[in-house]
């Protein structure tokens, strides 16, 4: 079975020895430079072929199966492992909306006061 380029990139990112072993679609997109739709399509095809497995964690994470790791280490796909795939550290999202008191007054409330 031949892998497409996005499938090989995603499988290589899942097979990197770094922790965490399971990665989210967002982490895979950052590591591979693919859009989320392309990464999801690749994951769907890889899981259908038994090369990737979805975990039951929230948020949804994916990991390579043993067969997937063996596939990506074959000479045909080894170049994808050697490329500059990097998975950034997982950081929780800290951006929060501003408090209501910090928002500027709306033009309607300013007109009502005058």
PDB file of N, CA and C in Angstrom:
ATOM      1  N   UNK A   1       0.829  -1.174   0.000  1.00  0.00           N
ATOM      2  CA  UNK A   1       0.000   0.000   0.000  1.00  0.00           C
ATOM      3  C   UNK A   1       0.877   1.241   0.000  1.00  0.00           C
ATOM      4  N   UNK A   2       0.665   2.100  -0.930  1.00  0.00           N
ATOM      5  CA  UNK A   2       1.440   3.332  -1.015  1.00  0.00           C
ATOM      6  C   UNK A   2       0.737   4.433  -0.239  1.00  0.00           C
ATOM      7  N   UNK A   3       1.518   5.217   0.482  1.00  0.00           N
ATOM      8  CA  UNK A   3       0.981   6.342   1.234  1.00  0.00           C
ATOM      9  C   UNK A   3       1.092   7.614   0.407  1.00  0.00           C
ATOM     10  N   UNK A   4       0.114   8.498   0.565  1.00  0.00           N
ATOM     11  CA  UNK A   4       0.225   9.809  -0.057  1.00  0.00           C
ATOM     12  C   UNK A   4       1.179  10.657   0.786  1.00  0.00           C
ATOM     13  N   UNK A   5       1.586  11.793   0.251  1.00  0.00           N
ATOM     14  CA  UNK A   5       2.512  12.645   0.994  1.00  0.00           C
ATOM     15  C   UNK A   5       1.923  13.128   2.324  1.00  0.00           C
ATOM     16  N   UNK A   6       0.661  13.604   2.360  1.00  0.00           N
ATOM     17  CA  UNK A   6       0.114  13.996   3.669  1.00  0.00           C
ATOM     18  C   UNK A   6       0.033  12.832   4.656  1.00  0.00           C
ATOM     19  N   UNK A   7      -0.315  11.645   4.169  1.00  0.00           N
ATOM     20  CA  UNK A   7      -0.374  10.476   5.052  1.00  0.00           C
ATOM     21  C   UNK A   7       1.004  10.151   5.609  1.00  0.00           C
ATOM     22  N   UNK A   8       2.033  10.218   4.769  1.00  0.00           N
ATOM     23  CA  UNK A   8       3.391   9.931   5.226  1.00  0.00           C
ATOM     24  C   UNK A   8       3.857  10.974   6.237  1.00  0.00           C
ATOM     25  N   UNK A   9       3.520  12.248   6.006  1.00  0.00           N
ATOM     26  CA  UNK A   9       3.901  13.305   6.955  1.00  0.00           C
ATOM     27  C   UNK A   9       3.231  13.099   8.309  1.00  0.00           C
ATOM     28  N   UNK A  10       1.936  12.790   8.287  1.00  0.00           N
ATOM     29  CA  UNK A  10       1.209  12.584   9.542  1.00  0.00           C
ATOM     30  C   UNK A  10       1.731  11.349  10.269  1.00  0.00           C
ATOM     31  N   UNK A  11       1.968  10.274   9.548  1.00  0.00           N
ATOM     32  CA  UNK A  11       2.486   9.060  10.174  1.00  0.00           C
ATOM     33  C   UNK A  11       3.883   9.287  10.748  1.00  0.00           C
ATOM     34  N   UNK A  12       4.694  10.072  10.057  1.00  0.00           N
ATOM     35  CA  UNK A  12       6.024  10.394  10.576  1.00  0.00           C
ATOM     36  C   UNK A  12       5.924  11.223  11.853  1.00  0.00           C
ATOM     37  N   UNK A  13       4.998  12.177  11.873  1.00  0.00           N
ATOM     38  CA  UNK A  13       4.818  12.997  13.078  1.00  0.00           C
ATOM     39  C   UNK A  13       4.318  12.153  14.247  1.00  0.00           C
ATOM     40  N   UNK A  14       3.467  11.178  13.963  1.00  0.00           N
ATOM     41  CA  UNK A  14       2.987  10.291  15.025  1.00  0.00           C
ATOM     42  C   UNK A  14       4.070   9.332  15.499  1.00  0.00           C
ATOM     43  N   UNK A  15       5.046   9.050  14.645  1.00  0.00           N
ATOM     44  CA  UNK A  15       6.078   8.064  14.980  1.00  0.00           C
ATOM     45  C   UNK A  15       7.320   8.686  15.602  1.00  0.00           C
ATOM     46  N   UNK A  16       7.334   9.988  15.768  1.00  0.00           N
ATOM     47  CA  UNK A  16       8.499  10.619  16.400  1.00  0.00           C
ATOM     48  C   UNK A  16       8.645  10.103  17.819  1.00  0.00           C
ATOM     49  N   UNK A  17       9.869   9.918  18.287  1.00  0.00           N
ATOM     50  CA  UNK A  17      10.067   9.349  19.621  1.00  0.00           C
ATOM     51  C   UNK A  17       9.792  10.316  20.761  1.00  0.00           C
ATOM     52  N   UNK A  18       9.479  11.578  20.456  1.00  0.00           N
ATOM     53  CA  UNK A  18       9.224  12.551  21.511  1.00  0.00           C
ATOM     54  C   UNK A  18       7.928  12.222  22.248  1.00  0.00           C
ATOM     55  N   UNK A  19       7.860  12.716  23.468  1.00  0.00           N
ATOM     56  CA  UNK A  19       6.611  12.602  24.214  1.00  0.00           C
ATOM     57  C   UNK A  19       5.793  13.838  23.948  1.00  0.00           C
ATOM     58  N   UNK A  20       4.524  13.842  23.917  1.00  0.00           N
ATOM     59  CA  UNK A  20       3.629  12.729  24.170  1.00  0.00           C
ATOM     60  C   UNK A  20       3.510  11.805  22.966  1.00  0.00           C
ATOM     61  N   UNK A  21       3.218  10.558  23.232  1.00  0.00           N
ATOM     62  CA  UNK A  21       3.103   9.583  22.151  1.00  0.00           C
ATOM     63  C   UNK A  21       1.841   9.819  21.337  1.00  0.00           C
ATOM     64  N   UNK A  22       0.795  10.287  21.971  1.00  0.00           N
ATOM     65  CA  UNK A  22      -0.451  10.582  21.270  1.00  0.00           C
ATOM     66  C   UNK A  22      -0.528  12.086  21.037  1.00  0.00           C
ATOM     67  N   UNK A  23      -0.978  12.467  19.844  1.00  0.00           N
ATOM     68  CA  UNK A  23      -1.008  13.884  19.489  1.00  0.00           C
ATOM     69  C   UNK A  23      -2.381  14.278  18.959  1.00  0.00           C
ATOM     70  N   UNK A  24      -2.737  15.524  19.177  1.00  0.00           N
ATOM     71  CA  UNK A  24      -3.997  16.047  18.673  1.00  0.00           C
ATOM     72  C   UNK A  24      -3.827  16.466  17.213  1.00  0.00           C
ATOM     73  N   UNK A  25      -4.939  16.736  16.554  1.00  0.00           N
ATOM     74  CA  UNK A  25      -4.884  17.189  15.163  1.00  0.00           C
ATOM     75  C   UNK A  25      -4.162  18.530  15.091  1.00  0.00           C
ATOM     76  N   UNK A  26      -4.389  19.395  16.063  1.00  0.00           N
ATOM     77  CA  UNK A  26      -3.711  20.696  16.073  1.00  0.00           C
ATOM     78  C   UNK A  26      -2.197  20.531  16.148  1.00  0.00           C
ATOM     79  N   UNK A  27      -1.723  19.624  16.994  1.00  0.00           N
ATOM     80  CA  UNK A  27      -0.282  19.375  17.095  1.00  0.00           C
ATOM     81  C   UNK A  27       0.259  18.791  15.795  1.00  0.00           C
ATOM     82  N   UNK A  28      -0.505  17.919  15.163  1.00  0.00           N
ATOM     83  CA  UNK A  28      -0.071  17.343  13.891  1.00  0.00           C
ATOM     84  C   UNK A  28      -0.015  18.403  12.797  1.00  0.00           C
ATOM     85  N   UNK A  29      -0.979  19.309  12.787  1.00  0.00           N
ATOM     86  CA  UNK A  29      -0.977  20.388  11.790  1.00  0.00           C
ATOM     87  C   UNK A  29       0.245  21.285  11.969  1.00  0.00           C
ATOM     88  N   UNK A  30       0.585  21.596  13.201  1.00  0.00           N
ATOM     89  CA  UNK A  30       1.757  22.415  13.477  1.00  0.00           C
ATOM     90  C   UNK A  30       3.034  21.700  13.060  1.00  0.00           C
ATOM     91  N   UNK A  31       3.099  20.412  13.309  1.00  0.00           N
ATOM     92  CA  UNK A  31       4.303  19.642  12.999  1.00  0.00           C
ATOM     93  C   UNK A  31       4.493  19.416  11.510  1.00  0.00           C
ATOM     94  N   UNK A  32       3.392  19.266  10.779  1.00  0.00           N
ATOM     95  CA  UNK A  32       3.504  18.891   9.368  1.00  0.00           C
ATOM     96  C   UNK A  32       3.274  20.043   8.404  1.00  0.00           C
ATOM     97  N   UNK A  33       2.637  21.103   8.865  1.00  0.00           N
ATOM     98  CA  UNK A  33       2.326  22.211   7.973  1.00  0.00           C
ATOM     99  C   UNK A  33       1.081  21.955   7.129  1.00  0.00           C
ATOM    100  N   UNK A  34       0.302  20.958   7.478  1.00  0.00           N
ATOM    101  CA  UNK A  34      -0.928  20.637   6.752  1.00  0.00           C
ATOM    102  C   UNK A  34      -2.110  21.377   7.363  1.00  0.00           C
ATOM    103  N   UNK A  35      -3.172  21.513   6.584  1.00  0.00           N
ATOM    104  CA  UNK A  35      -4.395  22.064   7.138  1.00  0.00           C
ATOM    105  C   UNK A  35      -5.069  20.994   7.992  1.00  0.00           C
ATOM    106  N   UNK A  36      -6.016  21.420   8.811  1.00  0.00           N
ATOM    107  CA  UNK A  36      -6.684  20.442   9.673  1.00  0.00           C
ATOM    108  C   UNK A  36      -7.494  19.443   8.851  1.00  0.00           C
ATOM    109  N   UNK A  37      -8.086  19.890   7.749  1.00  0.00           N
ATOM    110  CA  UNK A  37      -8.843  18.976   6.893  1.00  0.00           C
ATOM    111  C   UNK A  37      -7.951  17.915   6.265  1.00  0.00           C
ATOM    112  N   UNK A  38      -6.784  18.338   5.786  1.00  0.00           N
ATOM    113  CA  UNK A  38      -5.851  17.379   5.179  1.00  0.00           C
ATOM    114  C   UNK A  38      -5.330  16.402   6.225  1.00  0.00           C
ATOM    115  N   UNK A  39      -5.066  16.893   7.428  1.00  0.00           N
ATOM    116  CA  UNK A  39      -4.583  16.010   8.497  1.00  0.00           C
ATOM    117  C   UNK A  39      -5.662  15.011   8.902  1.00  0.00           C
ATOM    118  N   UNK A  40      -6.898  15.467   8.983  1.00  0.00           N
ATOM    119  CA  UNK A  40      -7.997  14.562   9.342  1.00  0.00           C
ATOM    120  C   UNK A  40      -8.231  13.499   8.268  1.00  0.00           C
ATOM    121  N   UNK A  41      -8.150  13.897   6.991  1.00  0.00           N
ATOM    122  CA  UNK A  41      -8.291  12.918   5.903  1.00  0.00           C
ATOM    123  C   UNK A  41      -7.174  11.882   5.964  1.00  0.00           C
ATOM    124  N   UNK A  42      -5.952  12.341   6.209  1.00  0.00           N
ATOM    125  CA  UNK A  42      -4.824  11.414   6.311  1.00  0.00           C
ATOM    126  C   UNK A  42      -5.016  10.461   7.489  1.00  0.00           C
ATOM    127  N   UNK A  43      -5.466  10.989   8.630  1.00  0.00           N
ATOM    128  CA  UNK A  43      -5.703  10.138   9.795  1.00  0.00           C
ATOM    129  C   UNK A  43      -6.808   9.118   9.519  1.00  0.00           C
ATOM    130  N   UNK A  44      -7.835   9.529   8.807  1.00  0.00           N
ATOM    131  CA  UNK A  44      -8.917   8.607   8.473  1.00  0.00           C
ATOM    132  C   UNK A  44      -8.398   7.456   7.611  1.00  0.00           C
ATOM    133  N   UNK A  45      -7.589   7.766   6.607  1.00  0.00           N
ATOM    134  CA  UNK A  45      -7.038   6.721   5.738  1.00  0.00           C
ATOM    135  C   UNK A  45      -6.047   5.841   6.499  1.00  0.00           C
ATOM    136  N   UNK A  46      -5.230   6.465   7.355  1.00  0.00           N
ATOM    137  CA  UNK A  46      -4.259   5.689   8.134  1.00  0.00           C
ATOM    138  C   UNK A  46      -4.961   4.760   9.130  1.00  0.00           C
ATOM    139  N   UNK A  47      -6.031   5.240   9.746  1.00  0.00           N
ATOM    140  CA  UNK A  47      -6.737   4.383  10.698  1.00  0.00           C
ATOM    141  C   UNK A  47      -7.464   3.248   9.977  1.00  0.00           C
ATOM    142  N   UNK A  48      -7.963   3.520   8.781  1.00  0.00           N
ATOM    143  CA  UNK A  48      -8.600   2.459   8.003  1.00  0.00           C
ATOM    144  C   UNK A  48      -7.625   1.370   7.585  1.00  0.00           C
ATOM    145  N   UNK A  49      -6.374   1.766   7.376  1.00  0.00           N
ATOM    146  CA  UNK A  49      -5.346   0.799   6.992  1.00  0.00           C
ATOM    147  C   UNK A  49      -4.678   0.146   8.201  1.00  0.00           C
ATOM    148  N   UNK A  50      -5.047   0.567   9.400  1.00  0.00           N
ATOM    149  CA  UNK A  50      -4.460  -0.013  10.609  1.00  0.00           C
ATOM    150  C   UNK A  50      -3.100   0.554  10.959  1.00  0.00           C
ATOM    151  N   UNK A  51      -2.770   1.736  10.451  1.00  0.00           N
ATOM    152  CA  UNK A  51      -1.468   2.345  10.726  1.00  0.00           C
ATOM    153  C   UNK A  51      -1.527   3.398  11.818  1.00  0.00           C
ATOM    154  N   UNK A  52      -2.714   3.899  12.133  1.00  0.00           N
ATOM    155  CA  UNK A  52      -2.898   4.883  13.201  1.00  0.00           C
ATOM    156  C   UNK A  52      -4.142   4.501  13.988  1.00  0.00           C
ATOM    157  N   UNK A  53      -4.182   4.962  15.236  1.00  0.00           N
ATOM    158  CA  UNK A  53      -5.256   4.581  16.127  1.00  0.00           C
ATOM    159  C   UNK A  53      -5.698   5.800  16.919  1.00  0.00           C
ATOM    160  N   UNK A  54      -6.996   6.023  16.989  1.00  0.00           N
ATOM    161  CA  UNK A  54      -7.536   7.111  17.805  1.00  0.00           C
ATOM    162  C   UNK A  54      -7.615   6.639  19.249  1.00  0.00           C
ATOM    163  N   UNK A  55      -7.246   7.508  20.166  1.00  0.00           N
ATOM    164  CA  UNK A  55      -7.350   7.165  21.586  1.00  0.00           C
ATOM    165  C   UNK A  55      -8.691   7.653  22.114  1.00  0.00           C
ATOM    166  N   UNK A  56      -9.036   7.227  23.286  1.00  0.00           N
ATOM    167  CA  UNK A  56     -10.320   7.600  23.871  1.00  0.00           C
ATOM    168  C   UNK A  56     -10.175   8.748  24.865  1.00  0.00           C
ATOM    169  N   UNK A  57      -9.157   9.563  24.698  1.00  0.00           N
ATOM    170  CA  UNK A  57      -8.930  10.684  25.601  1.00  0.00           C
ATOM    171  C   UNK A  57      -9.617  11.928  25.072  1.00  0.00           C
ATOM    172  N   UNK A  58      -9.854  12.858  25.949  1.00  0.00           N
ATOM    173  CA  UNK A  58     -10.377  14.153  25.551  1.00  0.00           C
ATOM    174  C   UNK A  58      -9.299  15.178  25.820  1.00  0.00           C
ATOM    175  N   UNK A  59      -8.861  15.977  24.889  1.00  0.00           N
ATOM    176  CA  UNK A  59      -9.296  16.025  23.509  1.00  0.00           C
ATOM    177  C   UNK A  59      -8.822  14.794  22.735  1.00  0.00           C
ATOM    178  N   UNK A  60      -9.465  14.546  21.607  1.00  0.00           N
ATOM    179  CA  UNK A  60      -9.149  13.361  20.804  1.00  0.00           C
ATOM    180  C   UNK A  60      -7.688  13.386  20.378  1.00  0.00           C
ATOM    181  N   UNK A  61      -7.010  12.305  20.612  1.00  0.00           N
ATOM    182  CA  UNK A  61      -5.608  12.190  20.228  1.00  0.00           C
ATOM    183  C   UNK A  61      -5.420  10.946  19.371  1.00  0.00           C
ATOM    184  N   UNK A  62      -4.324  10.955  18.641  1.00  0.00           N
ATOM    185  CA  UNK A  62      -4.007   9.868  17.720  1.00  0.00           C
ATOM    186  C   UNK A  62      -2.604   9.362  17.998  1.00  0.00           C
ATOM    187  N   UNK A  63      -2.382   8.085  17.731  1.00  0.00           N
ATOM    188  CA  UNK A  63      -1.035   7.522  17.866  1.00  0.00           C
ATOM    189  C   UNK A  63      -0.807   6.501  16.760  1.00  0.00           C
ATOM    190  N   UNK A  64       0.453   6.294  16.452  1.00  0.00           N
ATOM    191  CA  UNK A  64       0.814   5.312  15.428  1.00  0.00           C
ATOM    192  C   UNK A  64       0.769   3.915  16.036  1.00  0.00           C
ATOM    193  N   UNK A  65       0.314   2.959  15.248  1.00  0.00           N
ATOM    194  CA  UNK A  65       0.341   1.568  15.692  1.00  0.00           C
ATOM    195  C   UNK A  65       1.744   1.002  15.422  1.00  0.00           C
ATOM    196  N   UNK A  66       1.980  -0.205  15.914  1.00  0.00           N
ATOM    197  CA  UNK A  66       3.272  -0.843  15.662  1.00  0.00           C
ATOM    198  C   UNK A  66       3.481  -1.023  14.157  1.00  0.00           C
ATOM    199  N   UNK A  67       2.434  -1.422  13.470  1.00  0.00           N
ATOM    200  CA  UNK A  67       2.515  -1.582  12.015  1.00  0.00           C
ATOM    201  C   UNK A  67       2.811  -0.242  11.326  1.00  0.00           C
ATOM    202  N   UNK A  68       2.234   0.842  11.847  1.00  0.00           N
ATOM    203  CA  UNK A  68       2.498   2.167  11.292  1.00  0.00           C
ATOM    204  C   UNK A  68       3.947   2.591  11.488  1.00  0.00           C
ATOM    205  N   UNK A  69       4.502   2.305  12.662  1.00  0.00           N
ATOM    206  CA  UNK A  69       5.923   2.636  12.909  1.00  0.00           C
ATOM    207  C   UNK A  69       6.839   1.821  11.998  1.00  0.00           C
ATOM    208  N   UNK A  70       6.497   0.555  11.788  1.00  0.00           N
ATOM    209  CA  UNK A  70       7.299  -0.266  10.880  1.00  0.00           C
ATOM    210  C   UNK A  70       7.220   0.271   9.449  1.00  0.00           C
ATOM    211  N   UNK A  71       6.051   0.717   9.045  1.00  0.00           N
ATOM    212  CA  UNK A  71       5.868   1.244   7.690  1.00  0.00           C
ATOM    213  C   UNK A  71       6.676   2.509   7.472  1.00  0.00           C
ATOM    214  N   UNK A  72       6.628   3.441   8.411  1.00  0.00           N
ATOM    215  CA  UNK A  72       7.305   4.730   8.211  1.00  0.00           C
ATOM    216  C   UNK A  72       8.828   4.571   8.297  1.00  0.00           C
ATOM    217  N   UNK A  73       9.312   3.491   8.898  1.00  0.00           N
ATOM    218  CA  UNK A  73      10.760   3.262   8.971  1.00  0.00           C
ATOM    219  C   UNK A  73      11.307   2.483   7.775  1.00  0.00           C
ATOM    220  N   UNK A  74      10.459   2.139   6.812  1.00  0.00           N
ATOM    221  CA  UNK A  74      10.963   1.484   5.598  1.00  0.00           C
ATOM    222  C   UNK A  74      11.739   2.500   4.769  1.00  0.00           C
ATOM    223  N   UNK A  75      12.654   2.044   3.923  1.00  0.00           N
ATOM    224  CA  UNK A  75      13.470   2.980   3.131  1.00  0.00           C
ATOM    225  C   UNK A  75      12.645   3.943   2.271  1.00  0.00           C
ATOM    226  N   UNK A  76      11.461   3.522   1.845  1.00  0.00           N
ATOM    227  CA  UNK A  76      10.629   4.376   0.998  1.00  0.00           C
ATOM    228  C   UNK A  76      10.193   5.645   1.720  1.00  0.00           C
ATOM    229  N   UNK A  77       9.851   5.529   2.998  1.00  0.00           N
ATOM    230  CA  UNK A  77       9.288   6.650   3.748  1.00  0.00           C
ATOM    231  C   UNK A  77      10.234   7.229   4.794  1.00  0.00           C
ATOM    232  N   UNK A  78      11.435   6.701   4.896  1.00  0.00           N
ATOM    233  CA  UNK A  78      12.368   7.149   5.933  1.00  0.00           C
ATOM    234  C   UNK A  78      12.706   8.632   5.816  1.00  0.00           C
ATOM    235  N   UNK A  79      12.661   9.177   4.599  1.00  0.00           N
ATOM    236  CA  UNK A  79      12.974  10.599   4.413  1.00  0.00           C
ATOM    237  C   UNK A  79      11.999  11.496   5.162  1.00  0.00           C
ATOM    238  N   UNK A  80      10.774  11.055   5.336  1.00  0.00           N
ATOM    239  CA  UNK A  80       9.800  11.866   6.068  1.00  0.00           C
ATOM    240  C   UNK A  80      10.157  11.968   7.547  1.00  0.00           C
ATOM    241  N   UNK A  81      10.784  10.924   8.076  1.00  0.00           N
ATOM    242  CA  UNK A  81      11.239  10.982   9.466  1.00  0.00           C
ATOM    243  C   UNK A  81      12.431  11.921   9.611  1.00  0.00           C
ATOM    244  N   UNK A  82      13.289  11.965   8.594  1.00  0.00           N
ATOM    245  CA  UNK A  82      14.500  12.774   8.661  1.00  0.00           C
ATOM    246  C   UNK A  82      14.225  14.255   8.389  1.00  0.00           C
ATOM    247  N   UNK A  83      13.042  14.567   7.836  1.00  0.00           N
ATOM    248  CA  UNK A  83      12.740  15.971   7.554  1.00  0.00           C
ATOM    249  C   UNK A  83      12.565  16.735   8.865  1.00  0.00           C
ATOM    250  N   UNK A  84      12.364  17.996   8.744  1.00  0.00           N
ATOM    251  CA  UNK A  84      12.340  18.843   9.934  1.00  0.00           C
ATOM    252  C   UNK A  84      10.966  18.865  10.589  1.00  0.00           C
ATOM    253  N   UNK A  85      10.439  17.716  10.907  1.00  0.00           N
ATOM    254  CA  UNK A  85       9.184  17.654  11.635  1.00  0.00           C
ATOM    255  C   UNK A  85       9.466  17.905  13.104  1.00  0.00           C
ATOM    256  N   UNK A  86       8.817  18.858  13.655  1.00  0.00           N
ATOM    257  CA  UNK A  86       8.971  19.126  15.079  1.00  0.00           C
ATOM    258  C   UNK A  86       7.599  19.286  15.686  1.00  0.00           C
ATOM    259  N   UNK A  87       7.394  18.672  16.803  1.00  0.00           N
ATOM    260  CA  UNK A  87       6.132  18.802  17.517  1.00  0.00           C
ATOM    261  C   UNK A  87       6.378  19.698  18.715  1.00  0.00           C
ATOM    262  N   UNK A  88       5.712  20.848  18.767  1.00  0.00           N
ATOM    263  CA  UNK A  88       5.945  21.762  19.879  1.00  0.00           C
ATOM    264  C   UNK A  88       5.396  21.189  21.175  1.00  0.00           C
ATOM    265  N   UNK A  89       5.868  21.744  22.277  1.00  0.00           N
ATOM    266  CA  UNK A  89       5.364  21.326  23.572  1.00  0.00           C
ATOM    267  C   UNK A  89       3.890  21.680  23.681  1.00  0.00           C
ATOM    268  N   UNK A  90       3.169  20.852  24.366  1.00  0.00           N
ATOM    269  CA  UNK A  90       1.750  21.131  24.551  1.00  0.00           C
ATOM    270  C   UNK A  90       1.603  22.156  25.664  1.00  0.00           C
ATOM    271  N   UNK A  91       1.002  23.264  25.330  1.00  0.00           N
ATOM    272  CA  UNK A  91       0.733  24.290  26.322  1.00  0.00           C
ATOM    273  C   UNK A  91      -0.772  24.513  26.370  1.00  0.00           C
ATOM    274  N   UNK A  92      -1.324  24.595  27.552  1.00  0.00           N
ATOM    275  CA  UNK A  92      -2.757  24.861  27.618  1.00  0.00           C
ATOM    276  C   UNK A  92      -3.062  26.263  27.114  1.00  0.00           C
ATOM    277  N   UNK A  93      -4.222  26.410  26.546  1.00  0.00           N
ATOM    278  CA  UNK A  93      -4.620  27.718  26.055  1.00  0.00           C
ATOM    279  C   UNK A  93      -4.883  28.631  27.234  1.00  0.00           C
ATOM    280  N   UNK A  94      -4.297  29.804  27.229  1.00  0.00           N
ATOM    281  CA  UNK A  94      -4.454  30.722  28.347  1.00  0.00           C
ATOM    282  C   UNK A  94      -5.196  31.994  27.953  1.00  0.00           C
ATOM    283  N   UNK A  95      -5.513  32.140  26.702  1.00  0.00           N
ATOM    284  CA  UNK A  95      -6.195  33.342  26.267  1.00  0.00           C
ATOM    285  C   UNK A  95      -7.652  33.297  26.715  1.00  0.00           C
ATOM    286  N   UNK A  96      -8.051  34.336  27.409  1.00  0.00           N
ATOM    287  CA  UNK A  96      -9.421  34.429  27.888  1.00  0.00           C
ATOM    288  C   UNK A  96     -10.015  35.745  27.420  1.00  0.00           C
ATOM    289  N   UNK A  97     -11.312  35.793  27.255  1.00  0.00           N
ATOM    290  CA  UNK A  97     -11.910  37.058  26.848  1.00  0.00           C
ATOM    291  C   UNK A  97     -11.765  38.097  27.957  1.00  0.00           C
ATOM    292  N   UNK A  98     -11.732  39.381  27.591  1.00  0.00           N
ATOM    293  CA  UNK A  98     -11.589  40.415  28.615  1.00  0.00           C
ATOM    294  C   UNK A  98     -12.834  40.487  29.487  1.00  0.00           C
ATOM    295  N   UNK A  99     -12.656  40.997  30.695  1.00  0.00           N
ATOM    296  CA  UNK A  99     -13.781  41.185  31.591  1.00  0.00           C
ATOM    297  C   UNK A  99     -14.688  42.278  31.043  1.00  0.00           C
ATOM    298  N   UNK A 100     -15.945  42.222  31.402  1.00  0.00           N
ATOM    299  CA  UNK A 100     -16.905  43.214  30.902  1.00  0.00           C
ATOM    300  C   UNK A 100     -16.502  44.622  31.312  1.00  0.00           C
ATOM    301  N   UNK A 101     -15.905  44.763  32.492  1.00  0.00           N
ATOM    302  CA  UNK A 101     -15.510  46.090  32.961  1.00  0.00           C
ATOM    303  C   UNK A 101     -14.338  46.648  32.155  1.00  0.00           C
ATOM    304  N   UNK A 102     -13.588  45.796  31.475  1.00  0.00           N
ATOM    305  CA  UNK A 102     -12.447  46.246  30.690  1.00  0.00           C
ATOM    306  C   UNK A 102     -12.833  46.607  29.265  1.00  0.00           C
ATOM    307  N   UNK A 103     -14.036  46.259  28.854  1.00  0.00           N
ATOM    308  CA  UNK A 103     -14.471  46.570  27.506  1.00  0.00           C
ATOM    309  C   UNK A 103     -14.802  48.052  27.394  1.00  0.00           C
ATOM    310  N   UNK A 104     -14.541  48.594  26.230  1.00  0.00           N
ATOM    311  CA  UNK A 104     -14.888  49.997  26.021  1.00  0.00           C
ATOM    312  C   UNK A 104     -16.401  50.100  25.880  1.00  0.00           C
ATOM    313  N   UNK A 105     -16.971  51.212  26.305  1.00  0.00           N
ATOM    314  CA  UNK A 105     -18.423  51.344  26.213  1.00  0.00           C
ATOM    315  C   UNK A 105     -18.865  51.368  24.756  1.00  0.00           C
ATOM    316  N   UNK A 106     -19.993  50.776  24.515  1.00  0.00           N
ATOM    317  CA  UNK A 106     -20.500  50.730  23.146  1.00  0.00           C
ATOM    318  C   UNK A 106     -21.046  52.095  22.756  1.00  0.00           C
ATOM    319  N   UNK A 107     -21.111  52.416  21.455  1.00  0.00           N
ATOM    320  CA  UNK A 107     -21.634  53.712  21.033  1.00  0.00           C
ATOM    321  C   UNK A 107     -23.086  53.918  21.447  1.00  0.00           C
ATOM    322  N   UNK A 108     -23.867  52.853  21.532  1.00  0.00           N
ATOM    323  CA  UNK A 108     -25.267  52.987  21.923  1.00  0.00           C
ATOM    324  C   UNK A 108     -25.402  53.459  23.370  1.00  0.00           C
ATOM    325  N   UNK A 109     -24.565  52.917  24.256  1.00  0.00           N
ATOM    326  CA  UNK A 109     -24.664  53.331  25.669  1.00  0.00           C
ATOM    327  C   UNK A 109     -24.204  54.772  25.830  1.00  0.00           C
ATOM    328  N   UNK A 110     -23.258  55.214  24.993  1.00  0.00           N
ATOM    329  CA  UNK A 110     -22.801  56.591  25.064  1.00  0.00           C
ATOM    330  C   UNK A 110     -23.898  57.531  24.576  1.00  0.00           C
ATOM    331  N   UNK A 111     -24.664  57.145  23.568  1.00  0.00           N
ATOM    332  CA  UNK A 111     -25.745  57.978  23.056  1.00  0.00           C
ATOM    333  C   UNK A 111     -26.907  58.048  24.059  1.00  0.00           C
ATOM    334  N   UNK A 112     -27.128  56.959  24.761  1.00  0.00           N
ATOM    335  CA  UNK A 112     -28.234  56.936  25.724  1.00  0.00           C
ATOM    336  C   UNK A 112     -27.966  57.872  26.884  1.00  0.00           C
ATOM    337  N   UNK A 113     -26.713  58.064  27.255  1.00  0.00           N
ATOM    338  CA  UNK A 113     -26.364  58.931  28.371  1.00  0.00           C
ATOM    339  C   UNK A 113     -26.505  60.406  28.020  1.00  0.00           C
ATOM    340  N   UNK A 114     -26.404  60.749  26.751  1.00  0.00           N
ATOM    341  CA  UNK A 114     -26.465  62.167  26.371  1.00  0.00           C
ATOM    342  C   UNK A 114     -27.851  62.625  26.057  1.00  0.00           C
TER     343      UNK A 114
END
